[in-house]
Each structure stands twice: as C-alpha cells, then as structure tokens.
Amino acid sequence: MGVDPSRVGDLEHHQHAMTPPGPMVVETRAPRHIYRLLPGERCAVPPKTAHYVHGEADGACKFLIVQGVGVYDFVAVGG
C-alpha cells in the first residue's frame, strides 16, 4: 500500500504490522506515540488503536499491512 504525499491522513484502525521500504512515520493516538521507521524496521499497532501513516516530511511511502485471518478491516475514525 502506498501513501501519496497529497493524501490527507485520515485516522484509522486495524490489526497489523508494517515493514516500510523507506523512511516513514506512524503516529498513534490513545496512547499517543510517534514511530520513525527506517528501511527494514517495523512496528505493531495494537488492535483498535487509531493511527496515521505518512512518509517522512509528509513525503510518499510504501508499507505492508499484515493482519490475521478475515476481511481487511479498515475502519475510519472521526470526521
């Protein structure tokens, strides 16, 4: 999945782990935390934790979502 730099970052939640091929940022809410990920690094966002993913300096980025069995569970938060 890629994120275009012009895309407005909507909060969402789903169970996943990400492995970016380039610099990216994952911002979570409740608890609030900012992860800066370099190539080959990953993080796990707990289920139902709202988060925003973007490239460093709001640039483009690519990442992989890995989740358990079932339908892709994108859930928009707010707005």
Protein backbone atom coordinates (compact mmCIF):
# COMPACT_ATOMS: atom_id res chain seq x y z
CA MET A 1 0.00 0.00 0.00
CA GLY A 2 1.36 3.43 -0.83
CA VAL A 3 0.56 6.85 0.57
CA ASP A 4 0.71 9.78 -1.82
CA PRO A 5 2.11 12.99 -0.27
CA SER A 6 -1.02 14.91 -1.31
CA ARG A 7 -3.33 12.49 0.52
CA VAL A 8 -4.94 13.85 3.64
CA GLY A 9 -4.08 11.49 6.50
CA ASP A 10 -7.26 10.07 7.95
CA LEU A 11 -7.12 8.27 11.27
CA GLU A 12 -8.00 4.59 11.05
CA HIS A 13 -7.59 1.37 12.97
CA HIS A 14 -6.95 -2.28 12.17
CA GLN A 15 -4.65 -5.03 13.43
CA HIS A 16 -1.36 -5.01 11.55
CA ALA A 17 2.41 -4.81 11.43
CA MET A 18 4.24 -2.71 8.86
CA THR A 19 7.56 -3.09 7.09
CA PRO A 20 8.47 0.02 5.10
CA PRO A 21 10.92 0.12 2.19
CA GLY A 22 11.74 3.77 3.01
CA PRO A 23 11.57 6.37 5.79
CA MET A 24 8.06 6.69 7.18
CA VAL A 25 6.22 7.79 10.30
CA VAL A 26 3.41 6.06 12.21
CA GLU A 27 1.55 8.30 14.65
CA THR A 28 -0.84 6.67 17.14
CA ARG A 29 -3.50 8.15 19.40
CA ALA A 30 -4.57 6.77 22.80
CA PRO A 31 -1.79 6.18 23.56
CA ARG A 32 -0.08 8.97 21.63
CA HIS A 33 3.24 7.85 20.15
CA ILE A 34 5.32 8.67 17.07
CA TYR A 35 7.36 5.89 15.43
CA ARG A 36 10.01 6.87 12.84
CA LEU A 37 10.80 3.80 10.77
CA LEU A 38 13.82 3.29 8.56
CA PRO A 39 14.06 0.68 5.77
CA GLY A 40 13.66 -2.82 7.23
CA GLU A 41 12.23 -1.65 10.57
CA ARG A 42 8.70 -2.42 11.66
CA CYS A 43 6.18 -1.66 14.35
CA ALA A 44 2.98 -3.25 15.57
CA VAL A 45 -0.04 -1.06 16.25
CA PRO A 46 -2.39 -2.73 18.75
CA PRO A 47 -5.93 -3.53 17.55
CA LYS A 48 -8.37 -0.59 17.65
CA THR A 49 -5.56 1.97 18.09
CA ALA A 50 -6.19 4.94 15.78
CA HIS A 51 -3.13 5.83 13.72
CA TYR A 52 -1.89 7.93 10.80
CA VAL A 53 0.82 6.71 8.41
CA HIS A 54 2.86 9.05 6.22
CA GLY A 55 6.26 9.43 4.63
CA GLU A 56 8.90 11.37 6.47
CA ALA A 57 8.46 15.14 5.90
CA ASP A 58 4.97 14.28 4.56
CA GLY A 59 6.50 12.59 1.52
CA ALA A 60 5.30 9.39 -0.17
CA CYS A 61 5.91 5.99 1.41
CA LYS A 62 5.14 2.32 0.86
CA PHE A 63 4.37 -0.29 3.50
CA LEU A 64 2.95 -3.73 4.03
CA ILE A 65 -0.07 -4.45 6.22
CA VAL A 66 -0.09 -7.87 7.84
CA GLN A 67 -3.15 -8.98 9.78
CA GLY A 68 -4.84 -12.18 10.87
CA VAL A 69 -7.46 -14.18 9.03
CA GLY A 70 -10.50 -12.35 7.74
CA VAL A 71 -11.58 -9.38 5.69
CA TYR A 72 -9.31 -6.30 5.52
CA ASP A 73 -10.61 -4.25 8.41
CA PHE A 74 -10.01 -0.57 7.56
CA VAL A 75 -12.15 1.46 9.95
CA ALA A 76 -12.16 5.25 9.53
CA VAL A 77 -12.08 7.16 12.83
CA GLY A 78 -13.85 10.51 13.35
CA GLY A 79 -14.55 13.14 10.69
